[in-house]
């Protein structure tokens, strides 16, 4: 009763001013913000299942690792140098992801989220998402914008250029929520696709109809002006020129990982001293644009074998202690062989050796799965002469690279 009496005594103009203040406090202006020289990574994992003509084909777990640098900012637009690495889980012999397709992409993106990008680039797959309206938003507001998806169909269908189709995207600002101990704006992002391409290709297979949906929850960092994380479920149907129907469906999640520039010279010196203290002898520690690489010539493998002996595991426990000092850096594990056998056999063996080391480091808790990659080089990068037994012994090796970004 008393509160209503007080309200009746307030002048109408005062009430209007108070109401306007309350409404203004609930509104948020969404903008992308860029800082010259900033670096960060986007780590995305995808759990995907594939059906062909209604029959289950296979499943795959995919890691997308995107390294981004913003070297220039002009009139609120950021120029992005980006490297996209798409990796599938290793071929059944380890939990560590294998090195996959690597794409370089360069583009501008403005404050509202629109891209300026040359048509030659395959990445990013989804563009102009999210895009924000040029007005403040409050919880419950919705808007719509057009985006595009771009796919690399060179291997699957033999289509030589990036394959593009439009996506009509709808958005809803759901309000603010807590995640990872902080507050973020929660935005629902959704699109449904029904697209009939009018282009035909000379090869036997190409899409003649694409349909499906994507449903996402985007956690937006208002302070930094970029996404913090997202969760997605999707299903897409490709009807091919042969009449076959391929269904891709699954879930995905991603998060932003901040990255600072590594003092590679300092890290390399620290590792050399640590290796000396461990009695590893004259080990190579190499700096390059990718990061700092430890060449483990004395993590030895028997000929034609990926077997990691107990003596080598003991050495790796010392290496694990070194890697634990740089927990925010992802690591790459390249495997190598001597020049023996076939190219295919050497490639497989080098991947298996890298996988054996990666699996043991994973067991030791050195990194999580999405912080490690393995890559096989076969006998393509020898460090010694394969004409001698000693040279072949040195070439049967694994390296560990602490990655820059």
Protein backbone atom coordinates (compact mmCIF):
# COMPACT_ATOMS: atom_id res chain seq x y z
CA UNK A 1 0.00 0.00 0.00
CA UNK A 2 2.71 2.46 0.95
CA UNK A 3 4.70 1.90 -2.21
CA UNK A 4 1.64 2.58 -4.37
CA UNK A 5 0.97 5.81 -2.49
CA UNK A 6 4.53 6.95 -3.13
CA UNK A 7 4.24 6.10 -6.81
CA UNK A 8 1.09 8.20 -7.18
CA UNK A 9 2.90 11.20 -5.74
CA UNK A 10 5.74 11.03 -8.33
CA UNK A 11 5.34 13.37 -11.29
CA UNK A 12 4.70 11.68 -14.63
CA UNK A 13 7.91 13.06 -16.14
CA UNK A 14 9.97 11.55 -13.30
CA UNK A 15 8.37 8.15 -13.88
CA UNK A 16 9.16 8.34 -17.58
CA UNK A 17 12.80 9.20 -16.89
CA UNK A 18 13.11 6.29 -14.43
CA UNK A 19 11.53 3.87 -16.90
CA UNK A 20 13.86 5.00 -19.68
CA UNK A 21 16.87 4.47 -17.40
CA UNK A 22 15.77 0.94 -16.54
CA UNK A 23 15.24 0.06 -20.20
CA UNK A 24 18.60 1.57 -21.18
CA UNK A 25 20.41 -0.45 -18.52
CA UNK A 26 19.01 -3.67 -20.02
CA UNK A 27 20.26 -2.84 -23.52
CA UNK A 28 23.60 -3.98 -24.92
CA UNK A 29 25.45 -2.89 -28.04
CA UNK A 30 27.23 -5.83 -29.68
CA UNK A 31 30.38 -5.11 -31.67
CA UNK A 32 33.48 -7.02 -32.74
CA UNK A 33 36.59 -5.38 -31.30
CA UNK A 34 40.10 -5.88 -32.66
CA UNK A 35 43.49 -5.00 -31.22
CA UNK A 36 46.53 -4.69 -33.43
CA UNK A 37 48.93 -7.55 -32.77
CA UNK A 38 46.48 -9.72 -30.82
CA UNK A 39 46.75 -13.50 -31.07
CA UNK A 40 44.38 -16.24 -30.06
CA UNK A 41 43.31 -19.78 -30.93
CA UNK A 42 39.93 -21.35 -31.55
CA UNK A 43 39.70 -25.02 -30.58
CA UNK A 44 36.67 -26.89 -31.90
CA UNK A 45 35.80 -30.57 -31.55
CA UNK A 46 33.17 -32.23 -33.74
CA UNK A 47 31.49 -35.60 -33.20
CA UNK A 48 30.13 -36.50 -36.64
CA UNK A 49 28.17 -39.47 -38.03
CA UNK A 50 27.66 -40.24 -41.72
CA UNK A 51 24.90 -42.22 -43.47
CA UNK A 52 24.79 -43.14 -47.16
CA UNK A 53 21.40 -43.99 -48.65
CA UNK A 54 20.00 -44.57 -45.19
CA UNK A 55 22.78 -46.97 -44.14
CA UNK A 56 25.31 -46.07 -41.45
CA UNK A 57 28.73 -45.43 -43.00
CA UNK A 58 31.10 -44.22 -40.28
CA UNK A 59 31.72 -41.78 -37.43
CA UNK A 60 34.60 -39.41 -36.87
CA UNK A 61 35.88 -37.17 -34.12
CA UNK A 62 37.37 -34.04 -35.65
CA UNK A 63 39.59 -31.38 -34.10
CA UNK A 64 39.63 -27.93 -35.70
CA UNK A 65 42.51 -25.80 -34.49
CA UNK A 66 42.50 -22.20 -35.72
CA UNK A 67 45.43 -19.87 -35.04
CA UNK A 68 44.63 -16.20 -35.56
CA UNK A 69 46.77 -13.07 -35.59
CA UNK A 70 45.40 -9.56 -36.19
CA UNK A 71 48.33 -7.52 -37.58
CA UNK A 72 46.28 -4.47 -38.65
CA UNK A 73 43.21 -2.58 -37.51
CA UNK A 74 41.76 0.17 -39.74
CA UNK A 75 38.53 2.09 -39.02
CA UNK A 76 37.31 -0.61 -36.66
CA UNK A 77 37.99 -3.45 -39.12
CA UNK A 78 40.50 -6.15 -38.26
CA UNK A 79 42.76 -7.86 -40.80
CA UNK A 80 43.15 -11.54 -39.90
CA UNK A 81 46.04 -13.88 -40.71
CA UNK A 82 44.63 -17.30 -39.91
CA UNK A 83 45.78 -20.90 -40.16
CA UNK A 84 43.07 -23.58 -40.01
CA UNK A 85 44.11 -27.14 -39.19
CA UNK A 86 41.44 -29.84 -39.46
CA UNK A 87 42.43 -33.19 -37.91
CA UNK A 88 40.62 -36.45 -37.38
CA UNK A 89 41.36 -38.88 -34.60
CA UNK A 90 44.28 -41.16 -35.34
CA UNK A 91 43.60 -44.37 -37.20
CA UNK A 92 42.66 -46.59 -34.30
CA UNK A 93 46.07 -46.90 -32.63
CA UNK A 94 46.03 -43.83 -30.37
CA UNK A 95 43.72 -41.24 -28.87
CA UNK A 96 45.92 -38.39 -30.10
CA UNK A 97 44.69 -36.48 -33.16
CA UNK A 98 46.66 -36.79 -36.38
CA UNK A 99 47.78 -33.82 -38.45
CA UNK A 100 45.18 -33.15 -41.12
CA UNK A 101 44.42 -30.56 -43.78
CA UNK A 102 46.03 -27.15 -43.25
CA UNK A 103 44.52 -24.00 -44.79
CA UNK A 104 45.83 -20.46 -44.77
CA UNK A 105 43.28 -17.66 -44.97
CA UNK A 106 43.51 -13.85 -44.90
CA UNK A 107 40.52 -11.58 -44.57
CA UNK A 108 39.04 -8.40 -43.09
CA UNK A 109 36.13 -8.44 -40.67
CA UNK A 110 34.25 -5.33 -39.57
CA UNK A 111 32.65 -4.34 -36.27
CA UNK A 112 29.26 -5.84 -37.13
CA UNK A 113 30.79 -9.16 -38.25
CA UNK A 114 30.81 -8.91 -42.05
CA UNK A 115 33.74 -10.48 -43.93
CA UNK A 116 35.79 -9.10 -46.80
CA UNK A 117 37.57 -12.17 -48.20
CA UNK A 118 38.87 -13.27 -51.58
CA UNK A 119 36.92 -16.15 -53.19
CA UNK A 120 40.02 -18.38 -53.38
CA UNK A 121 39.98 -19.18 -49.64
CA UNK A 122 38.33 -22.34 -48.30
CA UNK A 123 38.25 -21.21 -44.68
CA UNK A 124 36.41 -20.25 -42.58
CA UNK A 125 33.53 -22.56 -43.49
CA UNK A 126 30.81 -20.32 -41.98
CA UNK A 127 31.02 -16.59 -42.80
CA UNK A 128 29.02 -13.54 -41.74
CA UNK A 129 27.94 -15.42 -38.61
CA UNK A 130 27.39 -13.88 -36.18
CA UNK A 131 26.40 -10.51 -37.62
CA UNK A 132 24.88 -7.89 -35.30
CA UNK A 133 22.35 -5.17 -36.08
CA UNK A 134 23.46 -1.56 -35.85
CA UNK A 135 21.35 -0.88 -32.73
CA UNK A 136 21.34 -1.78 -29.03
CA UNK A 137 19.74 -5.08 -28.08
CA UNK A 138 17.94 -6.30 -24.99
CA UNK A 139 17.04 -9.85 -23.94
CA UNK A 140 14.35 -11.29 -26.19
CA UNK A 141 15.32 -9.23 -29.25
CA UNK A 142 15.59 -11.11 -32.53
CA UNK A 143 17.08 -10.29 -35.92
CA UNK A 144 17.93 -11.99 -39.22
CA UNK A 145 20.90 -11.74 -41.57
CA UNK A 146 22.29 -13.69 -44.50
CA UNK A 147 25.45 -15.78 -44.21
CA UNK A 148 27.25 -18.34 -46.36
CA UNK A 149 28.88 -21.72 -45.97
CA UNK A 150 32.03 -22.57 -47.95
CA UNK A 151 33.26 -26.16 -48.37
CA UNK A 152 36.29 -27.95 -49.75
CA UNK A 153 34.88 -30.66 -52.04
CA UNK A 154 38.08 -31.32 -53.97
CA UNK A 155 38.69 -34.78 -52.55
CA UNK A 156 35.11 -35.88 -51.99
CA UNK A 157 33.57 -34.70 -55.29
CA UNK A 158 36.46 -33.36 -57.39
CA UNK A 159 35.07 -29.81 -57.40
CA UNK A 160 38.19 -27.66 -57.93
CA UNK A 161 37.13 -24.38 -56.27
CA UNK A 162 35.51 -23.44 -52.95
CA UNK A 163 31.86 -24.55 -52.97
CA UNK A 164 29.55 -21.81 -51.66
CA UNK A 165 25.90 -21.83 -50.66
CA UNK A 166 23.76 -19.25 -48.80
CA UNK A 167 22.39 -19.65 -45.27
CA UNK A 168 19.51 -17.52 -43.89
CA UNK A 169 20.40 -16.98 -40.22
CA UNK A 170 18.12 -15.97 -37.36
CA UNK A 171 19.32 -14.72 -33.97
CA UNK A 172 17.89 -14.18 -30.50
CA UNK A 173 19.63 -12.46 -27.60
CA UNK A 174 18.64 -14.70 -24.68
CA UNK A 175 20.21 -12.62 -21.90
CA UNK A 176 23.37 -12.99 -19.84
CA UNK A 177 24.58 -16.22 -18.24
CA UNK A 178 27.55 -17.44 -16.22
CA UNK A 179 30.12 -19.77 -17.75
CA UNK A 180 33.70 -20.54 -16.74
CA UNK A 181 33.33 -18.20 -13.78
CA UNK A 182 32.40 -15.17 -15.89
CA UNK A 183 29.32 -13.55 -17.37
CA UNK A 184 28.60 -13.78 -21.10
CA UNK A 185 25.77 -12.81 -23.41
CA UNK A 186 23.93 -15.89 -24.66
CA UNK A 187 22.81 -15.72 -28.28
CA UNK A 188 20.77 -18.37 -30.07
CA UNK A 189 21.91 -18.79 -33.69
CA UNK A 190 19.94 -20.98 -36.12
CA UNK A 191 19.56 -21.56 -39.83
CA UNK A 192 17.68 -23.94 -42.09
CA UNK A 193 18.97 -24.66 -45.56
CA UNK A 194 17.17 -25.81 -48.69
CA UNK A 195 19.38 -25.12 -51.68
CA UNK A 196 19.26 -26.35 -55.26
CA UNK A 197 22.54 -25.52 -57.03
CA UNK A 198 22.16 -24.53 -60.65
CA UNK A 199 25.73 -25.43 -61.56
CA UNK A 200 26.74 -28.74 -63.11
CA UNK A 201 30.23 -30.22 -63.13
CA UNK A 202 31.85 -32.54 -65.68
CA UNK A 203 32.73 -35.19 -63.09
CA UNK A 204 30.24 -37.90 -62.11
CA UNK A 205 29.39 -36.64 -58.62
CA UNK A 206 28.28 -33.23 -57.41
CA UNK A 207 25.49 -31.93 -55.14
CA UNK A 208 22.12 -31.26 -56.74
CA UNK A 209 20.27 -30.53 -53.50
CA UNK A 210 21.43 -29.49 -50.02
CA UNK A 211 19.10 -29.33 -47.03
CA UNK A 212 19.52 -29.30 -43.29
CA UNK A 213 19.88 -27.17 -40.19
CA UNK A 214 22.33 -25.80 -37.66
CA UNK A 215 21.31 -24.85 -34.12
CA UNK A 216 23.87 -23.02 -31.97
CA UNK A 217 24.27 -21.37 -28.59
CA UNK A 218 26.90 -18.64 -28.74
CA UNK A 219 28.53 -17.29 -25.58
CA UNK A 220 29.59 -13.75 -26.44
CA UNK A 221 32.29 -11.89 -24.51
CA UNK A 222 30.98 -8.33 -24.50
CA UNK A 223 34.16 -6.86 -22.98
CA UNK A 224 36.60 -8.36 -25.51
CA UNK A 225 34.17 -8.11 -28.44
CA UNK A 226 34.41 -11.67 -29.71
CA UNK A 227 32.93 -15.12 -29.07
CA UNK A 228 34.06 -17.02 -25.99
CA UNK A 229 32.55 -20.41 -26.87
CA UNK A 230 29.71 -22.06 -28.75
CA UNK A 231 27.76 -25.33 -28.83
CA UNK A 232 26.14 -26.67 -32.00
CA UNK A 233 23.97 -29.50 -33.26
CA UNK A 234 23.55 -29.97 -37.02
CA UNK A 235 22.26 -32.25 -39.75
CA UNK A 236 22.78 -31.82 -43.49
CA UNK A 237 21.60 -33.94 -46.42
CA UNK A 238 23.46 -33.88 -49.73
CA UNK A 239 21.63 -35.40 -52.70
CA UNK A 240 24.20 -36.13 -55.40
CA UNK A 241 23.99 -36.19 -59.17
CA UNK A 242 24.12 -39.99 -59.00
CA UNK A 243 20.92 -40.06 -56.95
CA UNK A 244 22.78 -41.11 -53.79
CA UNK A 245 21.96 -39.37 -50.52
CA UNK A 246 24.64 -38.58 -47.92
CA UNK A 247 23.69 -37.39 -44.44
CA UNK A 248 26.17 -35.65 -42.11
CA UNK A 249 24.99 -34.99 -38.59
CA UNK A 250 26.54 -34.42 -35.23
CA UNK A 251 27.45 -32.00 -32.48
CA UNK A 252 30.26 -29.51 -32.09
CA UNK A 253 31.68 -27.24 -29.43
CA UNK A 254 34.40 -24.63 -29.49
CA UNK A 255 36.23 -22.25 -27.21
CA UNK A 256 38.64 -19.33 -27.53
CA UNK A 257 42.14 -19.78 -26.09
CA UNK A 258 44.19 -16.65 -25.53
CA UNK A 259 47.75 -16.79 -26.90
CA UNK A 260 50.74 -14.61 -26.12
CA UNK A 261 53.89 -14.56 -28.22
CA UNK A 262 56.52 -17.05 -27.12
CA UNK A 263 60.05 -15.93 -26.29
CA UNK A 264 61.45 -18.76 -28.37
CA UNK A 265 65.12 -18.04 -27.65
CA UNK A 266 64.53 -18.06 -23.90
CA UNK A 267 62.42 -21.24 -24.03
CA UNK A 268 65.04 -23.01 -26.18
CA UNK A 269 67.85 -22.07 -23.74
CA UNK A 270 65.79 -23.28 -20.78
CA UNK A 271 65.10 -26.61 -22.47
CA UNK A 272 68.76 -27.13 -23.40
CA UNK A 273 69.75 -26.65 -19.76
CA UNK A 274 67.00 -28.98 -18.59
CA UNK A 275 68.08 -31.67 -21.06
CA UNK A 276 71.68 -31.36 -19.86
CA UNK A 277 70.52 -31.75 -16.26
CA UNK A 278 68.62 -34.90 -17.25
CA UNK A 279 71.74 -36.34 -18.87
CA UNK A 280 70.33 -36.34 -22.39
CA UNK A 281 73.63 -35.26 -23.86
CA UNK A 282 73.91 -33.21 -27.02
CA UNK A 283 70.26 -32.93 -28.03
CA UNK A 284 69.13 -30.56 -30.77
CA UNK A 285 66.70 -27.81 -29.71
CA UNK A 286 65.60 -25.86 -32.77
CA UNK A 287 63.67 -22.59 -33.08
CA UNK A 288 61.54 -21.74 -36.11
CA UNK A 289 58.32 -19.90 -36.93
CA UNK A 290 56.24 -22.84 -35.67
CA UNK A 291 57.79 -22.84 -32.19
CA UNK A 292 60.58 -24.72 -30.37
CA UNK A 293 61.37 -28.30 -31.36
CA UNK A 294 63.15 -30.91 -29.24
CA UNK A 295 64.81 -33.54 -31.44
CA UNK A 296 64.85 -36.69 -29.36
CA UNK A 297 67.55 -38.73 -31.07
CA UNK A 298 67.89 -40.95 -28.04
CA UNK A 299 64.20 -41.89 -27.76
CA UNK A 300 64.95 -45.00 -29.76
CA UNK A 301 62.76 -47.53 -31.56
CA UNK A 302 63.62 -51.01 -32.78
CA UNK A 303 63.80 -51.39 -36.57
CA UNK A 304 60.33 -51.59 -38.20
CA UNK A 305 58.61 -51.16 -34.82
CA UNK A 306 56.65 -48.45 -32.96
CA UNK A 307 57.23 -50.24 -29.65
CA UNK A 308 58.04 -47.83 -26.82
CA UNK A 309 60.32 -49.68 -24.42
CA UNK A 310 60.34 -49.11 -20.65
CA UNK A 311 63.77 -47.47 -20.90
CA UNK A 312 62.39 -44.93 -23.39
CA UNK A 313 59.34 -44.29 -21.21
CA UNK A 314 61.70 -43.33 -18.39
CA UNK A 315 63.31 -40.75 -20.66
CA UNK A 316 59.90 -39.41 -21.67
CA UNK A 317 58.96 -38.87 -18.03
CA UNK A 318 61.84 -36.40 -17.86
CA UNK A 319 60.64 -34.71 -21.05
CA UNK A 320 57.14 -34.56 -19.55
CA UNK A 321 58.48 -32.52 -16.64
CA UNK A 322 59.95 -30.03 -19.12
CA UNK A 323 56.71 -29.77 -21.10
CA UNK A 324 54.73 -29.23 -17.91
CA UNK A 325 56.47 -25.85 -17.52
CA UNK A 326 54.70 -24.54 -20.63
CA UNK A 327 51.13 -25.76 -20.02
CA UNK A 328 49.39 -23.18 -22.23
CA UNK A 329 51.25 -24.23 -25.38
CA UNK A 330 49.96 -26.96 -27.67
CA UNK A 331 52.45 -29.58 -28.77
CA UNK A 332 53.09 -31.31 -32.09
CA UNK A 333 54.74 -34.75 -32.15
CA UNK A 334 56.41 -35.59 -35.49
CA UNK A 335 57.53 -39.18 -36.10
CA UNK A 336 60.35 -40.28 -38.42
CA UNK A 337 61.82 -43.49 -39.83
CA UNK A 338 65.01 -44.65 -41.48
CA UNK A 339 65.07 -45.27 -45.23
CA UNK A 340 63.82 -48.85 -45.30
CA UNK A 341 60.71 -50.50 -46.74
CA UNK A 342 58.06 -48.79 -48.85
CA UNK A 343 56.90 -45.17 -48.77
CA UNK A 344 53.50 -46.25 -47.46
CA UNK A 345 55.03 -48.48 -44.79
CA UNK A 346 57.40 -45.75 -43.65
CA UNK A 347 54.56 -43.23 -43.43
CA UNK A 348 52.43 -45.55 -41.33
CA UNK A 349 55.33 -46.48 -39.07
CA UNK A 350 56.29 -42.85 -38.49
CA UNK A 351 52.70 -42.06 -37.47
CA UNK A 352 52.65 -45.04 -35.15
CA UNK A 353 55.90 -43.95 -33.48
CA UNK A 354 54.57 -40.44 -32.97
CA UNK A 355 51.36 -41.98 -31.66
CA UNK A 356 53.22 -44.14 -29.15
CA UNK A 357 54.97 -41.08 -27.71
CA UNK A 358 51.80 -38.98 -27.77
CA UNK A 359 49.77 -41.70 -26.08
CA UNK A 360 52.32 -42.01 -23.27
CA UNK A 361 52.47 -38.23 -22.75
CA UNK A 362 48.67 -38.21 -22.67
CA UNK A 363 48.78 -40.96 -20.04
CA UNK A 364 51.19 -38.82 -17.99
CA UNK A 365 48.75 -35.91 -18.13
CA UNK A 366 51.14 -33.59 -19.96
CA UNK A 367 48.34 -32.18 -22.14
CA UNK A 368 44.69 -32.77 -22.91
CA UNK A 369 43.72 -34.43 -26.20
CA UNK A 370 42.89 -31.16 -27.93
CA UNK A 371 46.35 -29.76 -27.08
CA UNK A 372 48.29 -32.48 -28.90
CA UNK A 373 48.78 -33.42 -32.54
CA UNK A 374 50.88 -36.12 -34.15
CA UNK A 375 52.32 -36.14 -37.65
CA UNK A 376 54.22 -38.76 -39.60
CA UNK A 377 57.01 -37.80 -42.01
CA UNK A 378 58.25 -41.24 -43.01
CA UNK A 379 61.88 -40.98 -44.11
CA UNK A 380 61.50 -37.56 -45.79
CA UNK A 381 63.40 -35.55 -43.13
CA UNK A 382 66.55 -37.48 -42.19
CA UNK A 383 69.06 -35.99 -39.75
CA UNK A 384 71.80 -38.51 -40.56
CA UNK A 385 73.08 -40.68 -43.40
CA UNK A 386 70.87 -43.72 -43.97
CA UNK A 387 73.86 -45.52 -45.50
CA UNK A 388 75.19 -46.32 -42.01
CA UNK A 389 73.62 -48.21 -39.12
CA UNK A 390 74.34 -45.28 -36.80
CA UNK A 391 72.65 -42.89 -39.21
CA UNK A 392 69.59 -45.12 -39.50
CA UNK A 393 69.43 -45.38 -35.72
CA UNK A 394 69.35 -41.58 -35.41
CA UNK A 395 66.68 -41.28 -38.09
CA UNK A 396 64.34 -43.62 -36.16
CA UNK A 397 63.22 -40.78 -33.93
CA UNK A 398 60.38 -38.67 -32.62
CA UNK A 399 60.40 -34.90 -32.11
CA UNK A 400 58.29 -32.67 -29.89
CA UNK A 401 57.44 -29.13 -30.95
CA UNK A 402 56.08 -26.62 -28.43
CA UNK A 403 53.88 -24.58 -30.76
CA UNK A 404 53.91 -20.81 -31.02
CA UNK A 405 50.15 -20.44 -31.48
